[in-house]
């Protein structure tokens, strides 16, 4: 089954096409706001630290994923997504009042609530996709969704920057609000049969713990999610060294934008190819190969050549999404629909929270250790992560073969 054939089949499927359209529309506005929020705070306060905290404010609610994900299992996912998109549109309207240093706390409050609502929306969306898309094409859909999101990251920040220059932060906030209204309309058009969720049993804490247990205790999901968390931590450590890499090339700091563009292009390609690759290799091997490619690219960035650094950016963009797509697809296939919201949010927490840790550690290490020494170490750690994931699969295969040969 070729990539072009599966992409065509997905886009011809009404529900899959609508789900993808919703991702593209809302992702466009979110990517624009993600870039502009830091610039906005920098312009208002002159503080690099406060500007950097904008990203942290958006990511912090991910830590509460297991608890927030239970909300996606208590109600039908389609109406929930419609309401969440409309609520996010309303949430962004107070940003029109942000225009002085004293109003920056309002901006941070909105960003934290924005991030929390996004965690619930991602959990509900993952569960809704599992119900709307042919299970055999889940990997293709998740890959195409990744390609769409990365494609938006190449276009939306430029649009957001232009809009910010012309109309300021409130103009970007209104753009984002408009995209959420459109996304709500797209979600409302979906034709998905959802059974009414059964009444929740036990306390919210117990339901949250159940989501964690389903992921952490699953023999297929746990290795993938752990490898995803380790990969995100190590990759974010490497990304913290980007400015040091650019300095070594003798380039201006703005050249990091070229590096990000190369990485984004690689991620778009990864999203288009992952469906057939997942079917051929399976989740673990697909993830392990992607992590290994990311490790090689990370280590090679220590070489002070423009072409090498750009090639490494594209290679890292190609390899990094593999473990995330593999883990997300496995969760959708392995977890019962009734608990899929909290399980998806738990997996995201375990994979993306280390990203914040890596950014913080990287900011400290870059001042203490030469990046030409640190990058090969990080690359080696990524290769070790890939090898460990592959060895676990090989060990399980060997154990199964032995038991098949000696059924007694």
Foldseek 3Di string as FASTA:
>chain_A
DDLVVLVVVQCVQLQLVLLLLLLLLLLLLVLLLLLQQLVQLCVQPVDNVLSVCLVVLLCVLLLVLLLLLVVLLQFQLLVLLLVLLLVLLVLLQVCVVDDHNVCNVSVSVSSNVNNSSVSNNVLSSLLQCLQRDDLLCLLLSLLQSQLSSLVSNLPSNVVSVVQCVVPNDSSSSNSSSVSSNVSSVSSVPRDGDDDGRDHDPDDSVVLSVVLLCLQCVDPVQNLLLLLLQLLLLLVLLLVLCLQVLCVLLVHDSVCVSLLSNLLSVLSSVLSSPRSVVCVVQNLLLQLLVLLLQLLVLLLQSLDNDPVSSSVSSSSNSNRNCSSVSSSSSCLSVPDDSSSSSSNNSSSSSSNCVSNVVSNVVSNVVVVPDRSNVVRNVSSVVSNVSSVVSVVVVVVVVVVVVVCVVPVD
